[in-house]
Amino acid sequence: LYPHASRSEVLVYASAADALVIPNSGTSWNSRYTTSPIKLWEYLAARRPVVVSDLPSMRELVTDGEVRFVKPDDPRALADALAQAVQGDDARVAAGWERVKKQTWLARAQRILETL
């Protein structure tokens, strides 16, 4: 675990990790329905296995083909998911990389221009 890091440090540390986790709680309404963490895109860009809480706010951004979902607020399930992720989530990592490439500012601007 690492405390707050500057934006320039995030990708360096994320790239060195065996797996990355967003363990949001399911007890918070905001966490369940309105969270859109920038760190999710940073984690996918690091090309490492990503484990996230199985919440509607996360499922609207990614699929289980890109990240490993885990029951929120369940430490044992989180530990098991992390152990599985580090054993080999290559297909998820590759799919996550393809997803994040579509989320760059340039890609988003191009979609807006195409819509206009």
PDB file of N, CA and C in Angstrom:
ATOM      1  N   LEU A   1       0.847  -1.172   0.000  1.00  0.00           N
ATOM      2  CA  LEU A   1       0.000   0.000   0.000  1.00  0.00           C
ATOM      3  C   LEU A   1       0.888   1.230   0.000  1.00  0.00           C
ATOM      4  N   TYR A   2       0.441   2.250  -0.739  1.00  0.00           N
ATOM      5  CA  TYR A   2       1.227   3.459  -0.861  1.00  0.00           C
ATOM      6  C   TYR A   2       0.326   4.653  -0.609  1.00  0.00           C
ATOM      7  N   PRO A   3       0.788   5.639   0.153  1.00  0.00           N
ATOM      8  CA  PRO A   3      -0.065   6.816   0.412  1.00  0.00           C
ATOM      9  C   PRO A   3      -0.206   7.679  -0.844  1.00  0.00           C
ATOM     10  N   HIS A   4      -0.801   8.829  -0.688  1.00  0.00           N
ATOM     11  CA  HIS A   4      -1.022   9.741  -1.804  1.00  0.00           C
ATOM     12  C   HIS A   4       0.246   9.906  -2.638  1.00  0.00           C
ATOM     13  N   ALA A   5       0.074   9.861  -3.948  1.00  0.00           N
ATOM     14  CA  ALA A   5       1.202  10.045  -4.871  1.00  0.00           C
ATOM     15  C   ALA A   5       0.849  11.137  -5.863  1.00  0.00           C
ATOM     16  N   SER A   6       1.853  11.846  -6.313  1.00  0.00           N
ATOM     17  CA  SER A   6       1.617  12.874  -7.338  1.00  0.00           C
ATOM     18  C   SER A   6       1.225  12.185  -8.643  1.00  0.00           C
ATOM     19  N   ARG A   7       0.621  12.937  -9.536  1.00  0.00           N
ATOM     20  CA  ARG A   7       0.208  12.377 -10.812  1.00  0.00           C
ATOM     21  C   ARG A   7       1.383  11.755 -11.565  1.00  0.00           C
ATOM     22  N   SER A   8       2.548  12.378 -11.475  1.00  0.00           N
ATOM     23  CA  SER A   8       3.709  11.846 -12.186  1.00  0.00           C
ATOM     24  C   SER A   8       4.211  10.537 -11.579  1.00  0.00           C
ATOM     25  N   GLU A   9       3.930  10.313 -10.304  1.00  0.00           N
ATOM     26  CA  GLU A   9       4.376   9.094  -9.642  1.00  0.00           C
ATOM     27  C   GLU A   9       3.424   7.921  -9.843  1.00  0.00           C
ATOM     28  N   VAL A  10       2.164   8.200 -10.105  1.00  0.00           N
ATOM     29  CA  VAL A  10       1.145   7.151 -10.116  1.00  0.00           C
ATOM     30  C   VAL A  10       1.474   6.037 -11.106  1.00  0.00           C
ATOM     31  N   LEU A  11       1.758   6.369 -12.351  1.00  0.00           N
ATOM     32  CA  LEU A  11       2.011   5.326 -13.334  1.00  0.00           C
ATOM     33  C   LEU A  11       3.272   4.535 -13.013  1.00  0.00           C
ATOM     34  N   VAL A  12       4.281   5.186 -12.454  1.00  0.00           N
ATOM     35  CA  VAL A  12       5.508   4.481 -12.075  1.00  0.00           C
ATOM     36  C   VAL A  12       5.200   3.424 -11.024  1.00  0.00           C
ATOM     37  N   TYR A  13       4.502   3.816  -9.977  1.00  0.00           N
ATOM     38  CA  TYR A  13       4.168   2.868  -8.916  1.00  0.00           C
ATOM     39  C   TYR A  13       3.182   1.809  -9.396  1.00  0.00           C
ATOM     40  N   ALA A  14       2.203   2.218 -10.173  1.00  0.00           N
ATOM     41  CA  ALA A  14       1.205   1.267 -10.666  1.00  0.00           C
ATOM     42  C   ALA A  14       1.866   0.221 -11.565  1.00  0.00           C
ATOM     43  N   SER A  15       2.793   0.657 -12.390  1.00  0.00           N
ATOM     44  CA  SER A  15       3.479  -0.271 -13.293  1.00  0.00           C
ATOM     45  C   SER A  15       4.353  -1.274 -12.543  1.00  0.00           C
ATOM     46  N   ALA A  16       4.766  -0.932 -11.347  1.00  0.00           N
ATOM     47  CA  ALA A  16       5.607  -1.824 -10.549  1.00  0.00           C
ATOM     48  C   ALA A  16       4.788  -2.819  -9.726  1.00  0.00           C
ATOM     49  N   ALA A  17       3.488  -2.617  -9.656  1.00  0.00           N
ATOM     50  CA  ALA A  17       2.637  -3.459  -8.816  1.00  0.00           C
ATOM     51  C   ALA A  17       2.327  -4.792  -9.498  1.00  0.00           C
ATOM     52  N   ASP A  18       2.060  -5.807  -8.686  1.00  0.00           N
ATOM     53  CA  ASP A  18       1.618  -7.096  -9.216  1.00  0.00           C
ATOM     54  C   ASP A  18       0.150  -7.047  -9.592  1.00  0.00           C
ATOM     55  N   ALA A  19      -0.624  -6.259  -8.863  1.00  0.00           N
ATOM     56  CA  ALA A  19      -2.045  -6.062  -9.138  1.00  0.00           C
ATOM     57  C   ALA A  19      -2.450  -4.745  -8.489  1.00  0.00           C
ATOM     58  N   LEU A  20      -3.520  -4.174  -9.001  1.00  0.00           N
ATOM     59  CA  LEU A  20      -4.027  -2.897  -8.489  1.00  0.00           C
ATOM     60  C   LEU A  20      -5.472  -3.095  -8.069  1.00  0.00           C
ATOM     61  N   VAL A  21      -5.876  -2.361  -7.041  1.00  0.00           N
ATOM     62  CA  VAL A  21      -7.200  -2.611  -6.473  1.00  0.00           C
ATOM     63  C   VAL A  21      -7.932  -1.306  -6.183  1.00  0.00           C
ATOM     64  N   ILE A  22      -9.228  -1.318  -6.450  1.00  0.00           N
ATOM     65  CA  ILE A  22     -10.124  -0.219  -6.068  1.00  0.00           C
ATOM     66  C   ILE A  22     -11.210  -0.859  -5.198  1.00  0.00           C
ATOM     67  N   PRO A  23     -10.966  -0.899  -3.877  1.00  0.00           N
ATOM     68  CA  PRO A  23     -11.884  -1.593  -2.969  1.00  0.00           C
ATOM     69  C   PRO A  23     -12.977  -0.682  -2.404  1.00  0.00           C
ATOM     70  N   ASN A  24     -13.748  -0.076  -3.281  1.00  0.00           N
ATOM     71  CA  ASN A  24     -14.808   0.820  -2.811  1.00  0.00           C
ATOM     72  C   ASN A  24     -15.840   0.064  -1.993  1.00  0.00           C
ATOM     73  N   SER A  25     -16.364   0.742  -0.989  1.00  0.00           N
ATOM     74  CA  SER A  25     -17.369   0.148  -0.117  1.00  0.00           C
ATOM     75  C   SER A  25     -18.750   0.202  -0.764  1.00  0.00           C
ATOM     76  N   GLY A  26     -19.510  -0.834  -0.546  1.00  0.00           N
ATOM     77  CA  GLY A  26     -20.884  -0.854  -1.022  1.00  0.00           C
ATOM     78  C   GLY A  26     -21.847  -0.201  -0.057  1.00  0.00           C
ATOM     79  N   THR A  27     -21.346   0.255   1.090  1.00  0.00           N
ATOM     80  CA  THR A  27     -22.233   0.848   2.085  1.00  0.00           C
ATOM     81  C   THR A  27     -22.519   2.320   1.797  1.00  0.00           C
ATOM     82  N   SER A  28     -21.719   2.934   0.942  1.00  0.00           N
ATOM     83  CA  SER A  28     -21.904   4.348   0.608  1.00  0.00           C
ATOM     84  C   SER A  28     -22.672   4.485  -0.700  1.00  0.00           C
ATOM     85  N   TRP A  29     -23.729   5.284  -0.697  1.00  0.00           N
ATOM     86  CA  TRP A  29     -24.518   5.506  -1.910  1.00  0.00           C
ATOM     87  C   TRP A  29     -23.640   6.080  -3.010  1.00  0.00           C
ATOM     88  N   ASN A  30     -22.801   7.065  -2.681  1.00  0.00           N
ATOM     89  CA  ASN A  30     -21.925   7.668  -3.685  1.00  0.00           C
ATOM     90  C   ASN A  30     -20.975   6.631  -4.280  1.00  0.00           C
ATOM     91  N   SER A  31     -20.416   5.805  -3.446  1.00  0.00           N
ATOM     92  CA  SER A  31     -19.498   4.779  -3.918  1.00  0.00           C
ATOM     93  C   SER A  31     -20.219   3.780  -4.826  1.00  0.00           C
ATOM     94  N   ARG A  32     -21.432   3.421  -4.459  1.00  0.00           N
ATOM     95  CA  ARG A  32     -22.196   2.450  -5.246  1.00  0.00           C
ATOM     96  C   ARG A  32     -22.626   2.987  -6.609  1.00  0.00           C
ATOM     97  N   TYR A  33     -23.024   4.282  -6.654  1.00  0.00           N
ATOM     98  CA  TYR A  33     -23.690   4.765  -7.863  1.00  0.00           C
ATOM     99  C   TYR A  33     -23.043   5.934  -8.596  1.00  0.00           C
ATOM    100  N   THR A  34     -22.195   6.718  -7.944  1.00  0.00           N
ATOM    101  CA  THR A  34     -21.723   7.933  -8.620  1.00  0.00           C
ATOM    102  C   THR A  34     -20.215   8.062  -8.751  1.00  0.00           C
ATOM    103  N   THR A  35     -19.464   7.122  -8.225  1.00  0.00           N
ATOM    104  CA  THR A  35     -18.009   7.208  -8.301  1.00  0.00           C
ATOM    105  C   THR A  35     -17.535   6.940  -9.726  1.00  0.00           C
ATOM    106  N   SER A  36     -16.634   7.777 -10.193  1.00  0.00           N
ATOM    107  CA  SER A  36     -15.980   7.566 -11.482  1.00  0.00           C
ATOM    108  C   SER A  36     -14.491   7.848 -11.293  1.00  0.00           C
ATOM    109  N   PRO A  37     -13.771   6.873 -10.752  1.00  0.00           N
ATOM    110  CA  PRO A  37     -12.387   7.136 -10.362  1.00  0.00           C
ATOM    111  C   PRO A  37     -11.430   7.240 -11.538  1.00  0.00           C
ATOM    112  N   ILE A  38     -10.687   8.326 -11.563  1.00  0.00           N
ATOM    113  CA  ILE A  38      -9.622   8.503 -12.551  1.00  0.00           C
ATOM    114  C   ILE A  38      -8.612   7.366 -12.404  1.00  0.00           C
ATOM    115  N   LYS A  39      -8.419   6.905 -11.156  1.00  0.00           N
ATOM    116  CA  LYS A  39      -7.421   5.855 -10.933  1.00  0.00           C
ATOM    117  C   LYS A  39      -7.747   4.584 -11.700  1.00  0.00           C
ATOM    118  N   LEU A  40      -9.019   4.333 -12.000  1.00  0.00           N
ATOM    119  CA  LEU A  40      -9.362   3.151 -12.787  1.00  0.00           C
ATOM    120  C   LEU A  40      -8.657   3.203 -14.138  1.00  0.00           C
ATOM    121  N   TRP A  41      -8.722   4.351 -14.796  1.00  0.00           N
ATOM    122  CA  TRP A  41      -8.081   4.494 -16.120  1.00  0.00           C
ATOM    123  C   TRP A  41      -6.563   4.439 -15.980  1.00  0.00           C
ATOM    124  N   GLU A  42      -6.026   5.035 -14.916  1.00  0.00           N
ATOM    125  CA  GLU A  42      -4.587   4.976 -14.681  1.00  0.00           C
ATOM    126  C   GLU A  42      -4.143   3.535 -14.449  1.00  0.00           C
ATOM    127  N   TYR A  43      -4.938   2.776 -13.704  1.00  0.00           N
ATOM    128  CA  TYR A  43      -4.595   1.391 -13.424  1.00  0.00           C
ATOM    129  C   TYR A  43      -4.633   0.555 -14.704  1.00  0.00           C
ATOM    130  N   LEU A  44      -5.653   0.741 -15.527  1.00  0.00           N
ATOM    131  CA  LEU A  44      -5.720   0.003 -16.782  1.00  0.00           C
ATOM    132  C   LEU A  44      -4.545   0.366 -17.689  1.00  0.00           C
ATOM    133  N   ALA A  45      -4.157   1.639 -17.678  1.00  0.00           N
ATOM    134  CA  ALA A  45      -3.034   2.095 -18.496  1.00  0.00           C
ATOM    135  C   ALA A  45      -1.709   1.488 -18.031  1.00  0.00           C
ATOM    136  N   ALA A  46      -1.636   1.084 -16.778  1.00  0.00           N
ATOM    137  CA  ALA A  46      -0.415   0.474 -16.245  1.00  0.00           C
ATOM    138  C   ALA A  46      -0.234  -0.962 -16.741  1.00  0.00           C
ATOM    139  N   ARG A  47      -1.266  -1.513 -17.352  1.00  0.00           N
ATOM    140  CA  ARG A  47      -1.232  -2.881 -17.887  1.00  0.00           C
ATOM    141  C   ARG A  47      -0.904  -3.912 -16.810  1.00  0.00           C
ATOM    142  N   ARG A  48      -1.638  -3.774 -15.714  1.00  0.00           N
ATOM    143  CA  ARG A  48      -1.536  -4.712 -14.608  1.00  0.00           C
ATOM    144  C   ARG A  48      -2.936  -5.241 -14.307  1.00  0.00           C
ATOM    145  N   PRO A  49      -3.045  -6.413 -13.674  1.00  0.00           N
ATOM    146  CA  PRO A  49      -4.368  -6.891 -13.271  1.00  0.00           C
ATOM    147  C   PRO A  49      -5.024  -5.874 -12.333  1.00  0.00           C
ATOM    148  N   VAL A  50      -6.320  -5.662 -12.533  1.00  0.00           N
ATOM    149  CA  VAL A  50      -7.068  -4.701 -11.723  1.00  0.00           C
ATOM    150  C   VAL A  50      -8.247  -5.424 -11.081  1.00  0.00           C
ATOM    151  N   VAL A  51      -8.382  -5.231  -9.779  1.00  0.00           N
ATOM    152  CA  VAL A  51      -9.496  -5.800  -9.011  1.00  0.00           C
ATOM    153  C   VAL A  51     -10.316  -4.629  -8.488  1.00  0.00           C
ATOM    154  N   VAL A  52     -11.618  -4.650  -8.760  1.00  0.00           N
ATOM    155  CA  VAL A  52     -12.494  -3.563  -8.310  1.00  0.00           C
ATOM    156  C   VAL A  52     -13.726  -4.132  -7.622  1.00  0.00           C
ATOM    157  N   SER A  53     -14.285  -3.336  -6.730  1.00  0.00           N
ATOM    158  CA  SER A  53     -15.529  -3.727  -6.069  1.00  0.00           C
ATOM    159  C   SER A  53     -16.645  -3.825  -7.102  1.00  0.00           C
ATOM    160  N   ASP A  54     -17.452  -4.859  -6.961  1.00  0.00           N
ATOM    161  CA  ASP A  54     -18.556  -5.087  -7.888  1.00  0.00           C
ATOM    162  C   ASP A  54     -19.721  -4.165  -7.521  1.00  0.00           C
ATOM    163  N   LEU A  55     -19.663  -2.965  -8.070  1.00  0.00           N
ATOM    164  CA  LEU A  55     -20.663  -1.928  -7.806  1.00  0.00           C
ATOM    165  C   LEU A  55     -21.180  -1.374  -9.133  1.00  0.00           C
ATOM    166  N   PRO A  56     -22.418  -0.878  -9.152  1.00  0.00           N
ATOM    167  CA  PRO A  56     -22.943  -0.305 -10.392  1.00  0.00           C
ATOM    168  C   PRO A  56     -22.056   0.796 -10.979  1.00  0.00           C
ATOM    169  N   SER A  57     -21.443   1.606 -10.120  1.00  0.00           N
ATOM    170  CA  SER A  57     -20.590   2.693 -10.604  1.00  0.00           C
ATOM    171  C   SER A  57     -19.373   2.167 -11.359  1.00  0.00           C
ATOM    172  N   MET A  58     -18.881   0.990 -11.011  1.00  0.00           N
ATOM    173  CA  MET A  58     -17.744   0.393 -11.707  1.00  0.00           C
ATOM    174  C   MET A  58     -18.206  -0.365 -12.948  1.00  0.00           C
ATOM    175  N   ARG A  59     -19.330  -1.056 -12.831  1.00  0.00           N
ATOM    176  CA  ARG A  59     -19.834  -1.849 -13.957  1.00  0.00           C
ATOM    177  C   ARG A  59     -20.257  -0.976 -15.132  1.00  0.00           C
ATOM    178  N   GLU A  60     -20.559   0.282 -14.881  1.00  0.00           N
ATOM    179  CA  GLU A  60     -20.921   1.143 -16.002  1.00  0.00           C
ATOM    180  C   GLU A  60     -19.684   1.617 -16.760  1.00  0.00           C
ATOM    181  N   LEU A  61     -18.504   1.389 -16.203  1.00  0.00           N
ATOM    182  CA  LEU A  61     -17.253   1.816 -16.840  1.00  0.00           C
ATOM    183  C   LEU A  61     -16.487   0.674 -17.501  1.00  0.00           C
ATOM    184  N   VAL A  62     -16.488  -0.501 -16.867  1.00  0.00           N
ATOM    185  CA  VAL A  62     -15.705  -1.637 -17.353  1.00  0.00           C
ATOM    186  C   VAL A  62     -16.510  -2.924 -17.195  1.00  0.00           C
ATOM    187  N   THR A  63     -15.995  -3.984 -17.821  1.00  0.00           N
ATOM    188  CA  THR A  63     -16.646  -5.290 -17.736  1.00  0.00           C
ATOM    189  C   THR A  63     -15.733  -6.277 -17.029  1.00  0.00           C
ATOM    190  N   ASP A  64     -16.273  -7.455 -16.740  1.00  0.00           N
ATOM    191  CA  ASP A  64     -15.442  -8.474 -16.107  1.00  0.00           C
ATOM    192  C   ASP A  64     -14.455  -9.081 -17.096  1.00  0.00           C
ATOM    193  N   GLY A  65     -14.522  -8.679 -18.348  1.00  0.00           N
ATOM    194  CA  GLY A  65     -13.503  -9.061 -19.308  1.00  0.00           C
ATOM    195  C   GLY A  65     -12.274  -8.178 -19.230  1.00  0.00           C
ATOM    196  N   GLU A  66     -12.373  -7.070 -18.485  1.00  0.00           N
ATOM    197  CA  GLU A  66     -11.274  -6.101 -18.372  1.00  0.00           C
ATOM    198  C   GLU A  66     -10.697  -6.002 -16.966  1.00  0.00           C
ATOM    199  N   VAL A  67     -11.526  -6.248 -15.983  1.00  0.00           N
ATOM    200  CA  VAL A  67     -11.095  -6.208 -14.588  1.00  0.00           C
ATOM    201  C   VAL A  67     -11.687  -7.415 -13.872  1.00  0.00           C
ATOM    202  N   ARG A  68     -11.178  -7.691 -12.710  1.00  0.00           N
ATOM    203  CA  ARG A  68     -11.737  -8.750 -11.877  1.00  0.00           C
ATOM    204  C   ARG A  68     -12.616  -8.079 -10.822  1.00  0.00           C
ATOM    205  N   PHE A  69     -13.908  -8.382 -10.850  1.00  0.00           N
ATOM    206  CA  PHE A  69     -14.835  -7.815  -9.868  1.00  0.00           C
ATOM    207  C   PHE A  69     -14.831  -8.661  -8.604  1.00  0.00           C
ATOM    208  N   VAL A  70     -15.035  -7.989  -7.466  1.00  0.00           N
ATOM    209  CA  VAL A  70     -15.062  -8.667  -6.179  1.00  0.00           C
ATOM    210  C   VAL A  70     -16.209  -8.096  -5.346  1.00  0.00           C
ATOM    211  N   LYS A  71     -16.812  -8.947  -4.544  1.00  0.00           N
ATOM    212  CA  LYS A  71     -17.885  -8.516  -3.656  1.00  0.00           C
ATOM    213  C   LYS A  71     -17.369  -7.412  -2.744  1.00  0.00           C
ATOM    214  N   PRO A  72     -18.065  -6.258  -2.706  1.00  0.00           N
ATOM    215  CA  PRO A  72     -17.596  -5.168  -1.842  1.00  0.00           C
ATOM    216  C   PRO A  72     -17.689  -5.522  -0.360  1.00  0.00           C
ATOM    217  N   ASP A  73     -16.786  -4.930   0.411  1.00  0.00           N
ATOM    218  CA  ASP A  73     -16.802  -5.061   1.866  1.00  0.00           C
ATOM    219  C   ASP A  73     -16.580  -6.494   2.351  1.00  0.00           C
ATOM    220  N   ASP A  74     -15.882  -7.293   1.560  1.00  0.00           N
ATOM    221  CA  ASP A  74     -15.609  -8.682   1.916  1.00  0.00           C
ATOM    222  C   ASP A  74     -14.097  -8.920   1.809  1.00  0.00           C
ATOM    223  N   PRO A  75     -13.369  -8.742   2.911  1.00  0.00           N
ATOM    224  CA  PRO A  75     -11.906  -8.865   2.872  1.00  0.00           C
ATOM    225  C   PRO A  75     -11.411 -10.210   2.336  1.00  0.00           C
ATOM    226  N   ARG A  76     -12.077 -11.298   2.678  1.00  0.00           N
ATOM    227  CA  ARG A  76     -11.663 -12.633   2.207  1.00  0.00           C
ATOM    228  C   ARG A  76     -11.827 -12.725   0.691  1.00  0.00           C
ATOM    229  N   ALA A  77     -12.936 -12.230   0.171  1.00  0.00           N
ATOM    230  CA  ALA A  77     -13.153 -12.251  -1.281  1.00  0.00           C
ATOM    231  C   ALA A  77     -12.117 -11.377  -1.986  1.00  0.00           C
ATOM    232  N   LEU A  78     -11.773 -10.243  -1.383  1.00  0.00           N
ATOM    233  CA  LEU A  78     -10.763  -9.370  -1.964  1.00  0.00           C
ATOM    234  C   LEU A  78      -9.409 -10.072  -2.005  1.00  0.00           C
ATOM    235  N   ALA A  79      -9.025 -10.713  -0.917  1.00  0.00           N
ATOM    236  CA  ALA A  79      -7.747 -11.432  -0.872  1.00  0.00           C
ATOM    237  C   ALA A  79      -7.719 -12.543  -1.918  1.00  0.00           C
ATOM    238  N   ASP A  80      -8.817 -13.279  -2.042  1.00  0.00           N
ATOM    239  CA  ASP A  80      -8.885 -14.361  -3.032  1.00  0.00           C
ATOM    240  C   ASP A  80      -8.784 -13.814  -4.457  1.00  0.00           C
ATOM    241  N   ALA A  81      -9.487 -12.715  -4.731  1.00  0.00           N
ATOM    242  CA  ALA A  81      -9.464 -12.123  -6.076  1.00  0.00           C
ATOM    243  C   ALA A  81      -8.069 -11.615  -6.421  1.00  0.00           C
ATOM    244  N   LEU A  82      -7.390 -11.006  -5.451  1.00  0.00           N
ATOM    245  CA  LEU A  82      -6.022 -10.540  -5.699  1.00  0.00           C
ATOM    246  C   LEU A  82      -5.081 -11.713  -5.959  1.00  0.00           C
ATOM    247  N   ALA A  83      -5.230 -12.779  -5.203  1.00  0.00           N
ATOM    248  CA  ALA A  83      -4.388 -13.960  -5.414  1.00  0.00           C
ATOM    249  C   ALA A  83      -4.614 -14.537  -6.805  1.00  0.00           C
ATOM    250  N   GLN A  84      -5.853 -14.591  -7.242  1.00  0.00           N
ATOM    251  CA  GLN A  84      -6.157 -15.096  -8.580  1.00  0.00           C
ATOM    252  C   GLN A  84      -5.631 -14.156  -9.656  1.00  0.00           C
ATOM    253  N   ALA A  85      -5.770 -12.858  -9.433  1.00  0.00           N
ATOM    254  CA  ALA A  85      -5.341 -11.871 -10.427  1.00  0.00           C
ATOM    255  C   ALA A  85      -3.845 -11.957 -10.692  1.00  0.00           C
ATOM    256  N   VAL A  86      -3.054 -12.105  -9.649  1.00  0.00           N
ATOM    257  CA  VAL A  86      -1.605 -12.135  -9.850  1.00  0.00           C
ATOM    258  C   VAL A  86      -1.133 -13.458 -10.466  1.00  0.00           C
ATOM    259  N   GLN A  87      -1.990 -14.461 -10.440  1.00  0.00           N
ATOM    260  CA  GLN A  87      -1.636 -15.737 -11.069  1.00  0.00           C
ATOM    261  C   GLN A  87      -1.775 -15.685 -12.592  1.00  0.00           C
ATOM    262  N   GLY A  88      -2.489 -14.687 -13.090  1.00  0.00           N
ATOM    263  CA  GLY A  88      -2.588 -14.578 -14.542  1.00  0.00           C
ATOM    264  C   GLY A  88      -3.920 -14.037 -15.011  1.00  0.00           C
ATOM    265  N   ASP A  89      -3.955 -12.764 -15.250  1.00  0.00           N
ATOM    266  CA  ASP A  89      -5.132 -12.117 -15.820  1.00  0.00           C
ATOM    267  C   ASP A  89      -4.749 -11.463 -17.153  1.00  0.00           C
ATOM    268  N   ASP A  90      -3.924 -12.160 -17.929  1.00  0.00           N
ATOM    269  CA  ASP A  90      -3.392 -11.571 -19.156  1.00  0.00           C
ATOM    270  C   ASP A  90      -4.481 -11.102 -20.122  1.00  0.00           C
ATOM    271  N   ALA A  91      -5.530 -11.896 -20.285  1.00  0.00           N
ATOM    272  CA  ALA A  91      -6.599 -11.504 -21.207  1.00  0.00           C
ATOM    273  C   ALA A  91      -7.312 -10.250 -20.699  1.00  0.00           C
ATOM    274  N   ARG A  92      -7.562 -10.179 -19.394  1.00  0.00           N
ATOM    275  CA  ARG A  92      -8.187  -8.984 -18.830  1.00  0.00           C
ATOM    276  C   ARG A  92      -7.279  -7.762 -18.983  1.00  0.00           C
ATOM    277  N   VAL A  93      -5.995  -7.953 -18.739  1.00  0.00           N
ATOM    278  CA  VAL A  93      -5.043  -6.844 -18.855  1.00  0.00           C
ATOM    279  C   VAL A  93      -5.043  -6.312 -20.285  1.00  0.00           C
ATOM    280  N   ALA A  94      -5.010  -7.201 -21.262  1.00  0.00           N
ATOM    281  CA  ALA A  94      -5.014  -6.774 -22.665  1.00  0.00           C
ATOM    282  C   ALA A  94      -6.318  -6.065 -23.024  1.00  0.00           C
ATOM    283  N   ALA A  95      -7.439  -6.599 -22.569  1.00  0.00           N
ATOM    284  CA  ALA A  95      -8.734  -5.961 -22.848  1.00  0.00           C
ATOM    285  C   ALA A  95      -8.838  -4.614 -22.142  1.00  0.00           C
ATOM    286  N   GLY A  96      -8.307  -4.530 -20.943  1.00  0.00           N
ATOM    287  CA  GLY A  96      -8.313  -3.257 -20.216  1.00  0.00           C
ATOM    288  C   GLY A  96      -7.497  -2.204 -20.931  1.00  0.00           C
ATOM    289  N   TRP A  97      -6.373  -2.620 -21.498  1.00  0.00           N
ATOM    290  CA  TRP A  97      -5.532  -1.693 -22.263  1.00  0.00           C
ATOM    291  C   TRP A  97      -6.285  -1.184 -23.487  1.00  0.00           C
ATOM    292  N   GLU A  98      -6.996  -2.058 -24.167  1.00  0.00           N
ATOM    293  CA  GLU A  98      -7.788  -1.626 -25.328  1.00  0.00           C
ATOM    294  C   GLU A  98      -8.888  -0.650 -24.897  1.00  0.00           C
ATOM    295  N   ARG A  99      -9.505  -0.897 -23.753  1.00  0.00           N
ATOM    296  CA  ARG A  99     -10.558  -0.009 -23.246  1.00  0.00           C
ATOM    297  C   ARG A  99      -9.986   1.362 -22.920  1.00  0.00           C
ATOM    298  N   VAL A 100      -8.864   1.398 -22.225  1.00  0.00           N
ATOM    299  CA  VAL A 100      -8.317   2.681 -21.776  1.00  0.00           C
ATOM    300  C   VAL A 100      -7.826   3.516 -22.951  1.00  0.00           C
ATOM    301  N   LYS A 101      -7.376   2.875 -24.018  1.00  0.00           N
ATOM    302  CA  LYS A 101      -6.938   3.635 -25.194  1.00  0.00           C
ATOM    303  C   LYS A 101      -8.097   4.430 -25.800  1.00  0.00           C
ATOM    304  N   LYS A 102      -9.318   3.970 -25.580  1.00  0.00           N
ATOM    305  CA  LYS A 102     -10.505   4.671 -26.095  1.00  0.00           C
ATOM    306  C   LYS A 102     -10.949   5.800 -25.170  1.00  0.00           C
ATOM    307  N   GLN A 103     -10.285   5.946 -24.023  1.00  0.00           N
ATOM    308  CA  GLN A 103     -10.677   6.951 -23.039  1.00  0.00           C
ATOM    309  C   GLN A 103      -9.721   8.132 -22.968  1.00  0.00           C
ATOM    310  N   THR A 104      -8.765   8.236 -23.875  1.00  0.00           N
ATOM    311  CA  THR A 104      -7.855   9.376 -23.854  1.00  0.00           C
ATOM    312  C   THR A 104      -8.634  10.639 -24.207  1.00  0.00           C
ATOM    313  N   TRP A 105      -8.077  11.777 -23.846  1.00  0.00           N
ATOM    314  CA  TRP A 105      -8.740  13.045 -24.179  1.00  0.00           C
ATOM    315  C   TRP A 105      -8.881  13.189 -25.686  1.00  0.00           C
ATOM    316  N   LEU A 106      -7.872  12.768 -26.447  1.00  0.00           N
ATOM    317  CA  LEU A 106      -7.930  12.860 -27.902  1.00  0.00           C
ATOM    318  C   LEU A 106      -9.034  11.971 -28.460  1.00  0.00           C
ATOM    319  N   ALA A 107      -9.118  10.751 -27.991  1.00  0.00           N
ATOM    320  CA  ALA A 107     -10.155   9.829 -28.464  1.00  0.00           C
ATOM    321  C   ALA A 107     -11.548  10.359 -28.121  1.00  0.00           C
ATOM    322  N   ARG A 108     -11.703  10.898 -26.946  1.00  0.00           N
ATOM    323  CA  ARG A 108     -13.005  11.456 -26.544  1.00  0.00           C
ATOM    324  C   ARG A 108     -13.365  12.663 -27.394  1.00  0.00           C
ATOM    325  N   ALA A 109     -12.388  13.518 -27.672  1.00  0.00           N
ATOM    326  CA  ALA A 109     -12.643  14.701 -28.515  1.00  0.00           C
ATOM    327  C   ALA A 109     -13.028  14.275 -29.914  1.00  0.00           C
ATOM    328  N   GLN A 110     -12.377  13.241 -30.452  1.00  0.00           N
ATOM    329  CA  GLN A 110     -12.715  12.761 -31.786  1.00  0.00           C
ATOM    330  C   GLN A 110     -14.138  12.237 -31.837  1.00  0.00           C
ATOM    331  N   ARG A 111     -14.572  11.526 -30.799  1.00  0.00           N
ATOM    332  CA  ARG A 111     -15.956  11.029 -30.753  1.00  0.00           C
ATOM    333  C   ARG A 111     -16.949  12.184 -30.719  1.00  0.00           C
ATOM    334  N   ILE A 112     -16.621  13.223 -29.983  1.00  0.00           N
ATOM    335  CA  ILE A 112     -17.501  14.395 -29.920  1.00  0.00           C
ATOM    336  C   ILE A 112     -17.598  15.056 -31.290  1.00  0.00           C
ATOM    337  N   LEU A 113     -16.458  15.236 -31.949  1.00  0.00           N
ATOM    338  CA  LEU A 113     -16.457  15.850 -33.280  1.00  0.00           C
ATOM    339  C   LEU A 113     -17.230  15.003 -34.283  1.00  0.00           C
ATOM    340  N   GLU A 114     -17.102  13.695 -34.198  1.00  0.00           N
ATOM    341  CA  GLU A 114     -17.841  12.805 -35.101  1.00  0.00           C
ATOM    342  C   GLU A 114     -19.346  12.918 -34.863  1.00  0.00           C
ATOM    343  N   THR A 115     -19.713  13.102 -33.623  1.00  0.00           N
ATOM    344  CA  THR A 115     -21.131  13.244 -33.274  1.00  0.00           C
ATOM    345  C   THR A 115     -21.700  14.552 -33.808  1.00  0.00           C
ATOM    346  N   LEU A 116     -20.904  15.593 -33.750  1.00  0.00           N
ATOM    347  CA  LEU A 116     -21.339  16.905 -34.236  1.00  0.00           C
ATOM    348  C   LEU A 116     -21.457  16.892 -35.738  1.00  0.00           C
TER     349      LEU A 116
END
